Amino acid sequence: MDLIGFALAVLLIELTPGPNMGWLVALTLSEGKRSGLAATSGIALGLASNAALSVLAASFILRQSDTIAKAISLAGAAMMAWLAWQAWRDAGESSHAVTPRGAVQRNALAGFGINLLNPKATLFFITVMPQFIAGGRPSYSQGLVMAALSVSVATAVHLALVFGAERTRPLLQSHAGARRVSRLLALLMLGVAGWFAVKAFA
C-alpha cells in the first residue's frame, strides 16, 4: 500500500474549496467553535460510514476481473480530471453553502447525513483507493486502513478550519489568492488523473 501517496491525494482534494469547507468556516464564524466542532464530528462519522461501505463495494467489484480493475483505474482518472475541472472552473469562488441554524446536535446530524449520502465521496473512494494498492485489488483490511487514513486527513483539515476560522476567512474570501490556489490544485489533480490513466494501460 502506498499510504503516503494516498494521503497526499486525499489532502489535495480536501484543500480544494468545497461544501464542507465553506459550511464549517461560515458555521464557526456565525455560531462559534462549539458548533463547528460538532459539525466536524458529524462529518467525520459520515465520511467513515461512507468509506466503510465503499470498501465493501470496491473489494467485491475489483475481484471480478482484470478488465473491471482497469476500468476502475480509468474511472479514477476521469474522477480526478472532473475534480480538476471543477476546481479550475470555480477558482476564486467566494460564496459558500448556507449555514444551517440550530442546536449543536443538529449541526452534527447535518454533517453526518450530508457526508454519509454523498455520492461524490463514494465514487472518489471506490475509484481512487485501488490506485494506491499493488495490483489494484485491495483486501477488506487494506481498504479499512485507507478509509481510516482518509477520514483522519479530512478531519485534520476540518479541525484546522474550525480553529483557524478567523484567520482563514480573509484567505478564502480573497478572490485573487483563492484563484491561484484553486488553479494550482486543479493542475496537480490533472497530473494525478494522467498518472491513473497511464496505470490503466500499463
N, C-alpha and C. Protein backbone atom coordinates (compact mmCIF):
# COMPACT_ATOMS: atom_id res chain seq x y z
N MET A 1 0.84 -1.20 0.00
CA MET A 1 0.00 0.00 0.00
C MET A 1 0.87 1.25 0.00
N ASP A 2 0.51 2.18 -0.83
CA ASP A 2 1.20 3.47 -0.85
C ASP A 2 0.38 4.45 -0.02
N LEU A 3 0.56 4.37 1.30
CA LEU A 3 -0.26 5.18 2.20
C LEU A 3 0.08 6.66 2.08
N ILE A 4 1.36 6.97 1.88
CA ILE A 4 1.75 8.37 1.76
C ILE A 4 1.14 8.99 0.50
N GLY A 5 1.23 8.26 -0.61
CA GLY A 5 0.64 8.77 -1.85
C GLY A 5 -0.86 8.97 -1.73
N PHE A 6 -1.53 8.01 -1.09
CA PHE A 6 -2.98 8.12 -0.91
C PHE A 6 -3.33 9.30 -0.01
N ALA A 7 -2.56 9.46 1.08
CA ALA A 7 -2.81 10.57 2.00
C ALA A 7 -2.65 11.91 1.28
N LEU A 8 -1.64 12.01 0.41
CA LEU A 8 -1.43 13.25 -0.34
C LEU A 8 -2.59 13.51 -1.31
N ALA A 9 -3.10 12.44 -1.93
CA ALA A 9 -4.24 12.59 -2.84
C ALA A 9 -5.46 13.08 -2.09
N VAL A 10 -5.72 12.51 -0.91
CA VAL A 10 -6.86 12.93 -0.10
C VAL A 10 -6.67 14.38 0.35
N LEU A 11 -5.45 14.72 0.78
CA LEU A 11 -5.18 16.09 1.22
C LEU A 11 -5.41 17.08 0.09
N LEU A 12 -5.00 16.69 -1.11
CA LEU A 12 -5.19 17.55 -2.28
C LEU A 12 -6.67 17.87 -2.49
N ILE A 13 -7.50 16.84 -2.36
CA ILE A 13 -8.94 17.03 -2.52
C ILE A 13 -9.52 17.87 -1.39
N GLU A 14 -9.09 17.59 -0.17
CA GLU A 14 -9.64 18.30 0.99
C GLU A 14 -9.26 19.78 1.00
N LEU A 15 -8.12 20.12 0.40
CA LEU A 15 -7.69 21.51 0.38
C LEU A 15 -8.38 22.33 -0.71
N THR A 16 -9.09 21.62 -1.60
CA THR A 16 -9.85 22.31 -2.64
C THR A 16 -11.17 22.80 -2.04
N PRO A 17 -11.47 24.10 -2.13
CA PRO A 17 -12.70 24.62 -1.54
C PRO A 17 -13.94 23.85 -1.99
N GLY A 18 -14.74 23.44 -1.01
CA GLY A 18 -15.96 22.68 -1.30
C GLY A 18 -17.01 22.94 -0.24
N PRO A 19 -18.13 22.23 -0.30
CA PRO A 19 -19.24 22.45 0.63
C PRO A 19 -18.86 22.32 2.10
N ASN A 20 -18.10 21.26 2.47
CA ASN A 20 -17.72 21.09 3.87
C ASN A 20 -16.88 22.26 4.35
N MET A 21 -15.92 22.66 3.53
CA MET A 21 -15.03 23.76 3.91
C MET A 21 -15.83 25.05 4.13
N GLY A 22 -16.66 25.40 3.15
CA GLY A 22 -17.44 26.62 3.25
C GLY A 22 -18.40 26.59 4.42
N TRP A 23 -19.05 25.45 4.63
CA TRP A 23 -20.02 25.33 5.71
C TRP A 23 -19.34 25.46 7.07
N LEU A 24 -18.21 24.77 7.26
CA LEU A 24 -17.53 24.81 8.56
C LEU A 24 -17.04 26.21 8.91
N VAL A 25 -16.47 26.89 7.93
CA VAL A 25 -15.98 28.25 8.19
C VAL A 25 -17.15 29.17 8.53
N ALA A 26 -18.20 29.13 7.71
CA ALA A 26 -19.35 30.01 7.94
C ALA A 26 -20.04 29.68 9.27
N LEU A 27 -20.15 28.39 9.57
CA LEU A 27 -20.81 27.96 10.81
C LEU A 27 -20.02 28.41 12.04
N THR A 28 -18.71 28.24 11.99
CA THR A 28 -17.87 28.63 13.12
C THR A 28 -17.91 30.14 13.35
N LEU A 29 -17.88 30.90 12.27
CA LEU A 29 -17.90 32.36 12.39
C LEU A 29 -19.24 32.87 12.90
N SER A 30 -20.32 32.18 12.55
CA SER A 30 -21.65 32.67 12.92
C SER A 30 -22.14 32.11 14.25
N GLU A 31 -21.78 30.84 14.57
CA GLU A 31 -22.32 30.21 15.77
C GLU A 31 -21.26 29.84 16.81
N GLY A 32 -20.01 29.95 16.46
CA GLY A 32 -18.96 29.65 17.42
C GLY A 32 -18.27 28.32 17.20
N LYS A 33 -17.15 28.16 17.91
CA LYS A 33 -16.31 26.98 17.76
C LYS A 33 -17.03 25.69 18.13
N ARG A 34 -17.90 25.77 19.14
CA ARG A 34 -18.60 24.55 19.57
C ARG A 34 -19.44 23.96 18.45
N SER A 35 -20.14 24.81 17.72
CA SER A 35 -20.95 24.34 16.60
C SER A 35 -20.06 23.79 15.50
N GLY A 36 -18.93 24.47 15.26
CA GLY A 36 -18.00 23.99 14.24
C GLY A 36 -17.45 22.62 14.57
N LEU A 37 -17.11 22.40 15.84
CA LEU A 37 -16.58 21.10 16.25
C LEU A 37 -17.65 20.01 16.18
N ALA A 38 -18.89 20.39 16.51
CA ALA A 38 -19.98 19.41 16.42
C ALA A 38 -20.19 18.99 14.97
N ALA A 39 -20.17 19.96 14.07
CA ALA A 39 -20.31 19.64 12.65
C ALA A 39 -19.16 18.79 12.16
N THR A 40 -17.95 19.08 12.63
CA THR A 40 -16.77 18.30 12.24
C THR A 40 -16.90 16.85 12.67
N SER A 41 -17.41 16.63 13.88
CA SER A 41 -17.60 15.25 14.36
C SER A 41 -18.62 14.52 13.51
N GLY A 42 -19.69 15.21 13.13
CA GLY A 42 -20.71 14.60 12.28
C GLY A 42 -20.15 14.27 10.91
N ILE A 43 -19.38 15.18 10.35
CA ILE A 43 -18.77 14.96 9.04
C ILE A 43 -17.84 13.74 9.10
N ALA A 44 -17.04 13.65 10.16
CA ALA A 44 -16.10 12.53 10.30
C ALA A 44 -16.84 11.20 10.35
N LEU A 45 -17.93 11.15 11.12
CA LEU A 45 -18.70 9.91 11.22
C LEU A 45 -19.36 9.56 9.89
N GLY A 46 -19.86 10.59 9.20
CA GLY A 46 -20.47 10.36 7.89
C GLY A 46 -19.46 9.84 6.88
N LEU A 47 -18.29 10.46 6.85
CA LEU A 47 -17.24 10.02 5.93
C LEU A 47 -16.77 8.61 6.25
N ALA A 48 -16.65 8.30 7.55
CA ALA A 48 -16.20 6.96 7.96
C ALA A 48 -17.21 5.90 7.53
N SER A 49 -18.49 6.17 7.71
CA SER A 49 -19.53 5.22 7.31
C SER A 49 -19.56 5.06 5.79
N ASN A 50 -19.44 6.18 5.09
CA ASN A 50 -19.42 6.17 3.63
C ASN A 50 -18.24 5.36 3.13
N ALA A 51 -17.05 5.59 3.73
CA ALA A 51 -15.84 4.89 3.29
C ALA A 51 -15.93 3.39 3.57
N ALA A 52 -16.48 3.01 4.73
CA ALA A 52 -16.60 1.58 5.07
C ALA A 52 -17.49 0.86 4.06
N LEU A 53 -18.59 1.48 3.68
CA LEU A 53 -19.47 0.88 2.67
C LEU A 53 -18.78 0.83 1.31
N SER A 54 -18.00 1.86 1.01
CA SER A 54 -17.28 1.90 -0.26
C SER A 54 -16.23 0.80 -0.34
N VAL A 55 -15.58 0.51 0.80
CA VAL A 55 -14.57 -0.56 0.84
C VAL A 55 -15.22 -1.90 0.50
N LEU A 56 -16.40 -2.14 1.06
CA LEU A 56 -17.11 -3.38 0.75
C LEU A 56 -17.40 -3.49 -0.74
N ALA A 57 -17.88 -2.41 -1.31
CA ALA A 57 -18.22 -2.41 -2.74
C ALA A 57 -16.97 -2.59 -3.59
N ALA A 58 -15.91 -1.86 -3.26
CA ALA A 58 -14.68 -1.94 -4.05
C ALA A 58 -14.05 -3.32 -3.97
N SER A 59 -14.01 -3.90 -2.76
CA SER A 59 -13.41 -5.22 -2.59
C SER A 59 -14.13 -6.28 -3.42
N PHE A 60 -15.45 -6.17 -3.49
CA PHE A 60 -16.23 -7.13 -4.28
C PHE A 60 -16.05 -6.91 -5.78
N ILE A 61 -16.20 -5.67 -6.21
CA ILE A 61 -16.15 -5.36 -7.64
C ILE A 61 -14.79 -5.68 -8.25
N LEU A 62 -13.71 -5.31 -7.55
CA LEU A 62 -12.37 -5.43 -8.13
C LEU A 62 -11.87 -6.86 -8.19
N ARG A 63 -12.53 -7.77 -7.50
CA ARG A 63 -12.11 -9.17 -7.55
C ARG A 63 -12.71 -9.91 -8.75
N GLN A 64 -13.59 -9.26 -9.48
CA GLN A 64 -14.30 -9.95 -10.56
C GLN A 64 -13.41 -10.24 -11.77
N SER A 65 -12.61 -9.26 -12.22
CA SER A 65 -11.77 -9.48 -13.40
C SER A 65 -10.75 -8.36 -13.56
N ASP A 66 -9.71 -8.64 -14.37
CA ASP A 66 -8.71 -7.61 -14.66
C ASP A 66 -9.32 -6.47 -15.46
N THR A 67 -10.28 -6.80 -16.31
CA THR A 67 -10.93 -5.77 -17.12
C THR A 67 -11.63 -4.75 -16.24
N ILE A 68 -12.32 -5.23 -15.21
CA ILE A 68 -13.01 -4.33 -14.29
C ILE A 68 -12.00 -3.48 -13.53
N ALA A 69 -10.87 -4.10 -13.13
CA ALA A 69 -9.84 -3.35 -12.41
C ALA A 69 -9.30 -2.21 -13.27
N LYS A 70 -9.08 -2.48 -14.57
CA LYS A 70 -8.58 -1.45 -15.48
C LYS A 70 -9.65 -0.37 -15.70
N ALA A 71 -10.90 -0.80 -15.78
CA ALA A 71 -11.99 0.17 -15.94
C ALA A 71 -12.08 1.09 -14.74
N ILE A 72 -11.83 0.54 -13.54
CA ILE A 72 -11.85 1.35 -12.32
C ILE A 72 -10.72 2.37 -12.36
N SER A 73 -9.55 1.94 -12.89
CA SER A 73 -8.43 2.88 -13.00
C SER A 73 -8.79 4.05 -13.90
N LEU A 74 -9.45 3.74 -15.02
CA LEU A 74 -9.88 4.79 -15.94
C LEU A 74 -10.94 5.67 -15.30
N ALA A 75 -11.84 5.05 -14.51
CA ALA A 75 -12.86 5.83 -13.81
C ALA A 75 -12.21 6.76 -12.79
N GLY A 76 -11.14 6.27 -12.13
CA GLY A 76 -10.41 7.10 -11.19
C GLY A 76 -9.77 8.29 -11.88
N ALA A 77 -9.21 8.04 -13.08
CA ALA A 77 -8.61 9.12 -13.85
C ALA A 77 -9.67 10.15 -14.23
N ALA A 78 -10.83 9.65 -14.66
CA ALA A 78 -11.93 10.56 -15.03
C ALA A 78 -12.41 11.36 -13.83
N MET A 79 -12.47 10.69 -12.67
CA MET A 79 -12.93 11.36 -11.45
C MET A 79 -11.98 12.50 -11.09
N MET A 80 -10.68 12.24 -11.12
CA MET A 80 -9.70 13.26 -10.78
C MET A 80 -9.72 14.40 -11.79
N ALA A 81 -9.89 14.05 -13.08
CA ALA A 81 -9.95 15.08 -14.11
C ALA A 81 -11.19 15.96 -13.91
N TRP A 82 -12.30 15.34 -13.54
CA TRP A 82 -13.54 16.10 -13.29
C TRP A 82 -13.36 17.04 -12.10
N LEU A 83 -12.74 16.55 -11.02
CA LEU A 83 -12.49 17.38 -9.86
C LEU A 83 -11.54 18.53 -10.22
N ALA A 84 -10.56 18.24 -11.07
CA ALA A 84 -9.63 19.29 -11.52
C ALA A 84 -10.38 20.36 -12.31
N TRP A 85 -11.28 19.92 -13.18
CA TRP A 85 -12.07 20.88 -13.97
C TRP A 85 -12.94 21.73 -13.07
N GLN A 86 -13.57 21.09 -12.06
CA GLN A 86 -14.40 21.84 -11.12
C GLN A 86 -13.59 22.89 -10.37
N ALA A 87 -12.39 22.49 -9.91
CA ALA A 87 -11.55 23.41 -9.16
C ALA A 87 -11.11 24.58 -10.04
N TRP A 88 -10.79 24.29 -11.30
CA TRP A 88 -10.36 25.34 -12.22
C TRP A 88 -11.53 26.28 -12.53
N ARG A 89 -12.69 25.69 -12.79
CA ARG A 89 -13.88 26.49 -13.14
C ARG A 89 -14.32 27.37 -11.98
N ASP A 90 -14.24 26.83 -10.76
CA ASP A 90 -14.72 27.56 -9.59
C ASP A 90 -13.63 28.36 -8.90
N ALA A 91 -12.45 28.48 -9.53
CA ALA A 91 -11.34 29.20 -8.92
C ALA A 91 -11.76 30.61 -8.54
N GLY A 92 -11.52 30.96 -7.27
CA GLY A 92 -11.85 32.30 -6.80
C GLY A 92 -13.27 32.45 -6.32
N GLU A 93 -14.08 31.40 -6.42
CA GLU A 93 -15.47 31.48 -5.94
C GLU A 93 -15.47 31.68 -4.44
N SER A 94 -16.13 32.73 -3.99
CA SER A 94 -16.13 33.03 -2.55
C SER A 94 -17.45 32.74 -1.87
N SER A 95 -18.47 32.34 -2.62
CA SER A 95 -19.76 32.05 -2.00
C SER A 95 -19.71 30.68 -1.36
N HIS A 96 -20.38 30.52 -0.23
CA HIS A 96 -20.39 29.26 0.50
C HIS A 96 -21.82 28.78 0.68
N ALA A 97 -21.92 27.52 1.07
CA ALA A 97 -23.24 26.97 1.33
C ALA A 97 -23.90 27.73 2.48
N VAL A 98 -25.21 27.81 2.43
CA VAL A 98 -25.93 28.49 3.50
C VAL A 98 -25.73 27.73 4.81
N THR A 99 -25.43 28.45 5.85
CA THR A 99 -25.17 27.83 7.14
C THR A 99 -26.47 27.43 7.81
N PRO A 100 -26.65 26.14 8.08
CA PRO A 100 -27.86 25.71 8.77
C PRO A 100 -27.86 26.23 10.20
N ARG A 101 -28.98 26.71 10.65
CA ARG A 101 -29.09 27.20 12.02
C ARG A 101 -29.68 26.11 12.90
N GLY A 102 -29.31 26.13 14.15
CA GLY A 102 -29.92 25.17 15.05
C GLY A 102 -28.96 24.77 16.14
N ALA A 103 -29.37 23.78 16.90
CA ALA A 103 -28.59 23.31 18.03
C ALA A 103 -27.34 22.60 17.57
N VAL A 104 -26.42 22.40 18.53
CA VAL A 104 -25.17 21.70 18.25
C VAL A 104 -25.46 20.31 17.69
N GLN A 105 -26.45 19.63 18.26
CA GLN A 105 -26.80 18.28 17.80
C GLN A 105 -27.27 18.29 16.35
N ARG A 106 -28.00 19.31 15.97
CA ARG A 106 -28.47 19.41 14.59
C ARG A 106 -27.30 19.57 13.62
N ASN A 107 -26.29 20.34 14.03
CA ASN A 107 -25.13 20.52 13.17
C ASN A 107 -24.37 19.21 12.99
N ALA A 108 -24.27 18.44 14.07
CA ALA A 108 -23.59 17.15 13.99
C ALA A 108 -24.36 16.19 13.08
N LEU A 109 -25.68 16.17 13.23
CA LEU A 109 -26.51 15.28 12.41
C LEU A 109 -26.47 15.72 10.94
N ALA A 110 -26.45 17.03 10.70
CA ALA A 110 -26.38 17.52 9.33
C ALA A 110 -25.08 17.10 8.68
N GLY A 111 -23.96 17.25 9.40
CA GLY A 111 -22.67 16.85 8.86
C GLY A 111 -22.62 15.36 8.57
N PHE A 112 -23.21 14.56 9.46
CA PHE A 112 -23.24 13.11 9.27
C PHE A 112 -24.06 12.74 8.04
N GLY A 113 -25.28 13.24 7.96
CA GLY A 113 -26.17 12.87 6.86
C GLY A 113 -25.66 13.29 5.50
N ILE A 114 -25.16 14.50 5.42
CA ILE A 114 -24.68 15.01 4.14
C ILE A 114 -23.53 14.17 3.60
N ASN A 115 -22.61 13.77 4.48
CA ASN A 115 -21.43 13.04 4.03
C ASN A 115 -21.68 11.54 3.89
N LEU A 116 -22.61 11.00 4.67
CA LEU A 116 -22.97 9.60 4.50
C LEU A 116 -23.59 9.37 3.13
N LEU A 117 -24.41 10.32 2.69
CA LEU A 117 -25.16 10.17 1.44
C LEU A 117 -24.49 10.88 0.26
N ASN A 118 -23.24 11.26 0.42
CA ASN A 118 -22.53 12.00 -0.63
C ASN A 118 -22.01 11.04 -1.70
N PRO A 119 -22.64 11.01 -2.89
CA PRO A 119 -22.20 10.07 -3.93
C PRO A 119 -20.80 10.39 -4.46
N LYS A 120 -20.41 11.66 -4.42
CA LYS A 120 -19.08 12.03 -4.90
C LYS A 120 -17.99 11.43 -4.01
N ALA A 121 -18.24 11.41 -2.70
CA ALA A 121 -17.28 10.83 -1.77
C ALA A 121 -17.16 9.32 -2.01
N THR A 122 -18.29 8.67 -2.26
CA THR A 122 -18.29 7.23 -2.53
C THR A 122 -17.52 6.92 -3.80
N LEU A 123 -17.83 7.65 -4.87
CA LEU A 123 -17.18 7.42 -6.15
C LEU A 123 -15.68 7.68 -6.06
N PHE A 124 -15.30 8.74 -5.35
CA PHE A 124 -13.89 9.06 -5.19
C PHE A 124 -13.16 7.91 -4.50
N PHE A 125 -13.75 7.40 -3.43
CA PHE A 125 -13.07 6.35 -2.68
C PHE A 125 -12.96 5.06 -3.48
N ILE A 126 -14.03 4.66 -4.16
CA ILE A 126 -14.02 3.41 -4.92
C ILE A 126 -13.04 3.46 -6.08
N THR A 127 -12.94 4.61 -6.74
CA THR A 127 -12.09 4.70 -7.92
C THR A 127 -10.64 5.07 -7.62
N VAL A 128 -10.42 5.85 -6.57
CA VAL A 128 -9.07 6.34 -6.28
C VAL A 128 -8.28 5.39 -5.38
N MET A 129 -8.91 4.84 -4.36
CA MET A 129 -8.21 3.96 -3.42
C MET A 129 -7.43 2.84 -4.11
N PRO A 130 -8.01 2.11 -5.07
CA PRO A 130 -7.28 0.99 -5.68
C PRO A 130 -5.99 1.39 -6.38
N GLN A 131 -5.87 2.65 -6.77
CA GLN A 131 -4.67 3.09 -7.49
C GLN A 131 -3.43 3.06 -6.58
N PHE A 132 -3.63 2.99 -5.29
CA PHE A 132 -2.51 3.01 -4.35
C PHE A 132 -2.30 1.65 -3.69
N ILE A 133 -2.88 0.61 -4.29
CA ILE A 133 -2.72 -0.77 -3.81
C ILE A 133 -2.03 -1.57 -4.90
N ALA A 134 -1.03 -2.34 -4.53
CA ALA A 134 -0.33 -3.18 -5.51
C ALA A 134 -1.33 -4.14 -6.17
N GLY A 135 -1.39 -4.12 -7.51
CA GLY A 135 -2.32 -4.96 -8.23
C GLY A 135 -3.69 -4.35 -8.38
N GLY A 136 -3.95 -3.26 -7.66
CA GLY A 136 -5.23 -2.55 -7.79
C GLY A 136 -6.42 -3.28 -7.21
N ARG A 137 -6.17 -4.29 -6.36
CA ARG A 137 -7.27 -5.05 -5.76
C ARG A 137 -7.10 -5.10 -4.26
N PRO A 138 -7.60 -4.12 -3.55
CA PRO A 138 -7.43 -4.06 -2.09
C PRO A 138 -8.25 -5.12 -1.36
N SER A 139 -7.65 -5.66 -0.30
CA SER A 139 -8.41 -6.54 0.58
C SER A 139 -9.28 -5.66 1.46
N TYR A 140 -10.20 -6.29 2.17
CA TYR A 140 -11.08 -5.50 3.03
C TYR A 140 -10.28 -4.80 4.13
N SER A 141 -9.27 -5.52 4.69
CA SER A 141 -8.46 -4.92 5.76
C SER A 141 -7.65 -3.74 5.23
N GLN A 142 -7.08 -3.88 4.02
CA GLN A 142 -6.35 -2.77 3.43
C GLN A 142 -7.27 -1.57 3.18
N GLY A 143 -8.47 -1.88 2.71
CA GLY A 143 -9.43 -0.81 2.46
C GLY A 143 -9.80 -0.07 3.73
N LEU A 144 -9.96 -0.80 4.83
CA LEU A 144 -10.31 -0.16 6.09
C LEU A 144 -9.18 0.74 6.59
N VAL A 145 -7.93 0.29 6.39
CA VAL A 145 -6.79 1.12 6.78
C VAL A 145 -6.79 2.43 5.99
N MET A 146 -7.05 2.33 4.69
CA MET A 146 -7.06 3.52 3.85
C MET A 146 -8.27 4.40 4.15
N ALA A 147 -9.37 3.76 4.53
CA ALA A 147 -10.56 4.53 4.92
C ALA A 147 -10.26 5.35 6.17
N ALA A 148 -9.61 4.71 7.15
CA ALA A 148 -9.26 5.41 8.38
C ALA A 148 -8.30 6.56 8.09
N LEU A 149 -7.35 6.32 7.19
CA LEU A 149 -6.39 7.37 6.83
C LEU A 149 -7.10 8.54 6.15
N SER A 150 -8.02 8.21 5.25
CA SER A 150 -8.77 9.23 4.53
C SER A 150 -9.57 10.11 5.48
N VAL A 151 -10.28 9.47 6.41
CA VAL A 151 -11.10 10.22 7.37
C VAL A 151 -10.21 11.05 8.29
N SER A 152 -9.05 10.51 8.66
CA SER A 152 -8.12 11.23 9.54
C SER A 152 -7.60 12.50 8.87
N VAL A 153 -7.22 12.38 7.61
CA VAL A 153 -6.71 13.55 6.88
C VAL A 153 -7.81 14.60 6.74
N ALA A 154 -9.01 14.15 6.35
CA ALA A 154 -10.12 15.08 6.18
C ALA A 154 -10.46 15.78 7.49
N THR A 155 -10.49 15.02 8.59
CA THR A 155 -10.84 15.60 9.88
C THR A 155 -9.78 16.59 10.35
N ALA A 156 -8.50 16.28 10.08
CA ALA A 156 -7.42 17.21 10.46
C ALA A 156 -7.60 18.55 9.74
N VAL A 157 -7.95 18.49 8.46
CA VAL A 157 -8.17 19.71 7.69
C VAL A 157 -9.37 20.47 8.23
N HIS A 158 -10.44 19.74 8.55
CA HIS A 158 -11.66 20.39 9.06
C HIS A 158 -11.42 21.04 10.42
N LEU A 159 -10.66 20.36 11.29
CA LEU A 159 -10.35 20.94 12.60
C LEU A 159 -9.51 22.21 12.44
N ALA A 160 -8.57 22.16 11.50
CA ALA A 160 -7.74 23.34 11.25
C ALA A 160 -8.61 24.52 10.80
N LEU A 161 -9.63 24.22 10.00
CA LEU A 161 -10.54 25.27 9.54
C LEU A 161 -11.33 25.87 10.69
N VAL A 162 -11.82 24.99 11.56
CA VAL A 162 -12.62 25.47 12.69
C VAL A 162 -11.79 26.34 13.62
N PHE A 163 -10.61 25.84 14.00
CA PHE A 163 -9.79 26.58 14.97
C PHE A 163 -9.15 27.82 14.36
N GLY A 164 -9.01 27.82 13.05
CA GLY A 164 -8.41 28.99 12.43
C GLY A 164 -9.37 29.77 11.56
N ALA A 165 -10.66 29.68 11.87
CA ALA A 165 -11.68 30.31 11.01
C ALA A 165 -11.45 31.80 10.82
N GLU A 166 -11.16 32.51 11.89
CA GLU A 166 -10.98 33.95 11.79
C GLU A 166 -9.81 34.32 10.88
N ARG A 167 -8.72 33.55 11.00
CA ARG A 167 -7.55 33.83 10.16
C ARG A 167 -7.73 33.31 8.74
N THR A 168 -8.52 32.25 8.59
CA THR A 168 -8.71 31.63 7.29
C THR A 168 -9.65 32.44 6.42
N ARG A 169 -10.56 33.15 7.05
CA ARG A 169 -11.60 33.86 6.30
C ARG A 169 -11.05 34.82 5.23
N PRO A 170 -10.07 35.67 5.55
CA PRO A 170 -9.56 36.57 4.52
C PRO A 170 -8.96 35.82 3.33
N LEU A 171 -8.29 34.70 3.60
CA LEU A 171 -7.69 33.93 2.51
C LEU A 171 -8.76 33.34 1.61
N LEU A 172 -9.80 32.77 2.25
CA LEU A 172 -10.87 32.15 1.47
C LEU A 172 -11.65 33.18 0.66
N GLN A 173 -11.75 34.40 1.18
CA GLN A 173 -12.55 35.41 0.51
C GLN A 173 -11.71 36.31 -0.40
N SER A 174 -10.40 36.07 -0.45
CA SER A 174 -9.54 36.83 -1.35
C SER A 174 -9.66 36.24 -2.74
N HIS A 175 -10.25 36.99 -3.65
CA HIS A 175 -10.52 36.47 -4.99
C HIS A 175 -9.24 36.04 -5.71
N ALA A 176 -8.25 36.90 -5.72
CA ALA A 176 -7.01 36.60 -6.43
C ALA A 176 -6.26 35.44 -5.79
N GLY A 177 -6.17 35.47 -4.45
CA GLY A 177 -5.46 34.40 -3.75
C GLY A 177 -6.15 33.05 -3.92
N ALA A 178 -7.48 33.03 -3.77
CA ALA A 178 -8.22 31.78 -3.92
C ALA A 178 -8.11 31.24 -5.33
N ARG A 179 -8.10 32.13 -6.33
CA ARG A 179 -7.99 31.69 -7.72
C ARG A 179 -6.66 31.00 -7.97
N ARG A 180 -5.59 31.59 -7.48
CA ARG A 180 -4.26 30.99 -7.69
C ARG A 180 -4.16 29.62 -7.02
N VAL A 181 -4.62 29.53 -5.77
CA VAL A 181 -4.55 28.26 -5.04
C VAL A 181 -5.40 27.19 -5.72
N SER A 182 -6.63 27.54 -6.08
CA SER A 182 -7.53 26.57 -6.70
C SER A 182 -6.99 26.07 -8.04
N ARG A 183 -6.42 26.96 -8.83
CA ARG A 183 -5.92 26.54 -10.13
C ARG A 183 -4.65 25.71 -10.02
N LEU A 184 -3.84 25.98 -9.01
CA LEU A 184 -2.67 25.15 -8.77
C LEU A 184 -3.10 23.74 -8.38
N LEU A 185 -4.09 23.65 -7.48
CA LEU A 185 -4.61 22.35 -7.07
C LEU A 185 -5.24 21.63 -8.25
N ALA A 186 -5.91 22.38 -9.13
CA ALA A 186 -6.54 21.78 -10.31
C ALA A 186 -5.48 21.14 -11.21
N LEU A 187 -4.37 21.82 -11.41
CA LEU A 187 -3.30 21.28 -12.25
C LEU A 187 -2.68 20.04 -11.62
N LEU A 188 -2.51 20.06 -10.30
CA LEU A 188 -1.97 18.89 -9.62
C LEU A 188 -2.91 17.69 -9.75
N MET A 189 -4.22 17.94 -9.59
CA MET A 189 -5.20 16.86 -9.74
C MET A 189 -5.22 16.32 -11.16
N LEU A 190 -5.04 17.19 -12.14
CA LEU A 190 -5.00 16.75 -13.53
C LEU A 190 -3.78 15.85 -13.75
N GLY A 191 -2.67 16.18 -13.09
CA GLY A 191 -1.49 15.32 -13.18
C GLY A 191 -1.75 13.94 -12.59
N VAL A 192 -2.46 13.90 -11.46
CA VAL A 192 -2.82 12.62 -10.84
C VAL A 192 -3.73 11.82 -11.78
N ALA A 193 -4.66 12.51 -12.43
CA ALA A 193 -5.56 11.84 -13.39
C ALA A 193 -4.76 11.19 -14.51
N GLY A 194 -3.75 11.91 -15.02
CA GLY A 194 -2.92 11.35 -16.07
C GLY A 194 -2.16 10.12 -15.60
N TRP A 195 -1.69 10.16 -14.35
CA TRP A 195 -0.98 9.01 -13.79
C TRP A 195 -1.90 7.79 -13.69
N PHE A 196 -3.14 7.99 -13.26
CA PHE A 196 -4.10 6.91 -13.16
C PHE A 196 -4.35 6.30 -14.55
N ALA A 197 -4.48 7.15 -15.55
CA ALA A 197 -4.76 6.68 -16.91
C ALA A 197 -3.59 5.84 -17.44
N VAL A 198 -2.37 6.27 -17.16
CA VAL A 198 -1.19 5.52 -17.60
C VAL A 198 -1.18 4.14 -16.93
N LYS A 199 -1.52 4.11 -15.63
CA LYS A 199 -1.53 2.85 -14.89
C LYS A 199 -2.56 1.87 -15.47
N ALA A 200 -3.66 2.40 -15.98
CA ALA A 200 -4.72 1.54 -16.52
C ALA A 200 -4.22 0.75 -17.73
N PHE A 201 -3.29 1.32 -18.48
CA PHE A 201 -2.80 0.65 -19.69
C PHE A 201 -1.42 0.04 -19.51
N ALA A 202 -0.90 0.09 -18.28
CA ALA A 202 0.44 -0.46 -18.02
C ALA A 202 0.42 -1.97 -18.06
